[in-house]
Amino acid sequence: MSDEPITIANEFTEVVVRRIDTRNGSRLLISAPRSGESITLDALEVEALTWQNPRTLAAMVGNSHAPLLPDEPEERDDGLA
């Protein structure tokens, strides 16, 4: 069962947020109608947004239509300096 969608918009974009129920619990389904992109987030992932500072969010917005971090690490990038 899904809850009624909530639309949030400004002069730059529009997103639709909806709570959906899955086998693993409730998720937020966030969709961007203009781009056709969507993501589902569980409670921990939503809470993790509250841990971010404005600089992190600005970096995400500044990297429009792309992930902040790539899916695959670059070759020879083992995370060690």
C-alpha atoms as a PDB file:
ATOM      1  CA  MET A   1       0.000   0.000   0.000  1.00  0.00           C
ATOM      2  CA  SER A   2       1.275   3.481  -0.854  1.00  0.00           C
ATOM      3  CA  ASP A   3       0.579   6.813   0.750  1.00  0.00           C
ATOM      4  CA  GLU A   4      -0.539   9.840  -1.219  1.00  0.00           C
ATOM      5  CA  PRO A   5       2.341  11.554  -3.037  1.00  0.00           C
ATOM      6  CA  ILE A   6       3.762  14.863  -1.850  1.00  0.00           C
ATOM      7  CA  THR A   7       5.058  17.214  -4.547  1.00  0.00           C
ATOM      8  CA  ILE A   8       7.835  19.643  -3.639  1.00  0.00           C
ATOM      9  CA  ALA A   9       8.841  22.228  -6.221  1.00  0.00           C
ATOM     10  CA  ASN A  10      10.709  25.468  -6.697  1.00  0.00           C
ATOM     11  CA  GLU A  11      11.913  27.479  -9.684  1.00  0.00           C
ATOM     12  CA  PHE A  12      14.635  24.896 -10.420  1.00  0.00           C
ATOM     13  CA  THR A  13      12.984  21.487 -10.079  1.00  0.00           C
ATOM     14  CA  GLU A  14      10.124  19.361  -8.874  1.00  0.00           C
ATOM     15  CA  VAL A  15      10.197  16.091  -6.930  1.00  0.00           C
ATOM     16  CA  VAL A  16       7.468  13.719  -5.852  1.00  0.00           C
ATOM     17  CA  VAL A  17       7.875  11.893  -2.529  1.00  0.00           C
ATOM     18  CA  ARG A  18       5.826   8.845  -1.629  1.00  0.00           C
ATOM     19  CA  ARG A  19       6.034   6.271   1.174  1.00  0.00           C
ATOM     20  CA  ILE A  20       5.954   2.727  -0.151  1.00  0.00           C
ATOM     21  CA  ASP A  21       5.832  -0.577   1.712  1.00  0.00           C
ATOM     22  CA  THR A  22       8.228  -3.361   0.744  1.00  0.00           C
ATOM     23  CA  ARG A  23       9.050  -6.804   2.144  1.00  0.00           C
ATOM     24  CA  ASN A  24      11.860  -5.112   4.071  1.00  0.00           C
ATOM     25  CA  GLY A  25       9.773  -2.283   5.524  1.00  0.00           C
ATOM     26  CA  SER A  26       8.756   1.195   4.470  1.00  0.00           C
ATOM     27  CA  ARG A  27      10.813   3.254   2.046  1.00  0.00           C
ATOM     28  CA  LEU A  28      10.612   6.736   0.626  1.00  0.00           C
ATOM     29  CA  LEU A  29      10.334   6.755  -3.143  1.00  0.00           C
ATOM     30  CA  ILE A  30      11.675  10.073  -4.415  1.00  0.00           C
ATOM     31  CA  SER A  31      11.068  10.784  -8.102  1.00  0.00           C
ATOM     32  CA  ALA A  32      12.130  13.675 -10.326  1.00  0.00           C
ATOM     33  CA  PRO A  33       9.536  13.805 -13.127  1.00  0.00           C
ATOM     34  CA  ARG A  34      11.599  16.078 -15.400  1.00  0.00           C
ATOM     35  CA  SER A  35      14.646  13.805 -15.458  1.00  0.00           C
ATOM     36  CA  GLY A  36      12.816  10.523 -14.975  1.00  0.00           C
ATOM     37  CA  GLU A  37      15.221   9.602 -12.159  1.00  0.00           C
ATOM     38  CA  SER A  38      14.080   8.034  -8.885  1.00  0.00           C
ATOM     39  CA  ILE A  39      15.526   6.481  -5.741  1.00  0.00           C
ATOM     40  CA  THR A  40      14.156   4.562  -2.782  1.00  0.00           C
ATOM     41  CA  LEU A  41      15.579   5.267   0.660  1.00  0.00           C
ATOM     42  CA  ASP A  42      15.114   3.309   3.875  1.00  0.00           C
ATOM     43  CA  ALA A  43      14.864   4.959   7.298  1.00  0.00           C
ATOM     44  CA  LEU A  44      18.623   4.841   7.944  1.00  0.00           C
ATOM     45  CA  GLU A  45      19.408   6.393   4.561  1.00  0.00           C
ATOM     46  CA  VAL A  46      16.908   9.182   5.225  1.00  0.00           C
ATOM     47  CA  GLU A  47      18.383   9.749   8.682  1.00  0.00           C
ATOM     48  CA  ALA A  48      21.867   9.912   7.106  1.00  0.00           C
ATOM     49  CA  LEU A  49      20.693  12.998   5.201  1.00  0.00           C
ATOM     50  CA  THR A  50      20.296  14.742   8.569  1.00  0.00           C
ATOM     51  CA  TRP A  51      23.957  14.085   9.365  1.00  0.00           C
ATOM     52  CA  GLN A  52      25.144  16.091   6.364  1.00  0.00           C
ATOM     53  CA  ASN A  53      26.330  19.666   6.504  1.00  0.00           C
ATOM     54  CA  PRO A  54      25.429  22.377   3.984  1.00  0.00           C
ATOM     55  CA  ARG A  55      28.766  21.923   2.197  1.00  0.00           C
ATOM     56  CA  THR A  56      28.021  18.264   1.439  1.00  0.00           C
ATOM     57  CA  LEU A  57      24.564  19.090   0.128  1.00  0.00           C
ATOM     58  CA  ALA A  58      25.999  21.938  -1.974  1.00  0.00           C
ATOM     59  CA  ALA A  59      28.489  19.477  -3.495  1.00  0.00           C
ATOM     60  CA  MET A  60      25.624  17.137  -4.378  1.00  0.00           C
ATOM     61  CA  VAL A  61      23.607  19.933  -5.984  1.00  0.00           C
ATOM     62  CA  GLY A  62      26.705  21.224  -7.797  1.00  0.00           C
ATOM     63  CA  ASN A  63      27.175  17.781  -9.361  1.00  0.00           C
ATOM     64  CA  SER A  64      23.739  17.789 -11.005  1.00  0.00           C
ATOM     65  CA  HIS A  65      22.422  14.661 -12.700  1.00  0.00           C
ATOM     66  CA  ALA A  66      25.361  12.574 -11.480  1.00  0.00           C
ATOM     67  CA  PRO A  67      26.279  10.773  -8.272  1.00  0.00           C
ATOM     68  CA  LEU A  68      28.610  12.529  -5.847  1.00  0.00           C
ATOM     69  CA  LEU A  69      30.791   9.393  -5.799  1.00  0.00           C
ATOM     70  CA  PRO A  70      31.195   6.994  -8.744  1.00  0.00           C
ATOM     71  CA  ASP A  71      29.719   3.488  -8.493  1.00  0.00           C
ATOM     72  CA  GLU A  72      33.099   1.875  -9.029  1.00  0.00           C
ATOM     73  CA  PRO A  73      36.362   3.082  -7.489  1.00  0.00           C
ATOM     74  CA  GLU A  74      39.007   4.281  -9.911  1.00  0.00           C
ATOM     75  CA  GLU A  75      41.680   1.724 -10.759  1.00  0.00           C
ATOM     76  CA  ARG A  76      44.363   1.578  -8.041  1.00  0.00           C
ATOM     77  CA  ASP A  77      42.056   3.498  -5.672  1.00  0.00           C
ATOM     78  CA  ASP A  78      42.136   1.230  -2.642  1.00  0.00           C
ATOM     79  CA  GLY A  79      41.143   4.051  -0.299  1.00  0.00           C
ATOM     80  CA  LEU A  80      44.598   4.165   1.249  1.00  0.00           C
ATOM     81  CA  ALA A  81      46.786   7.233   1.050  1.00  0.00           C
END
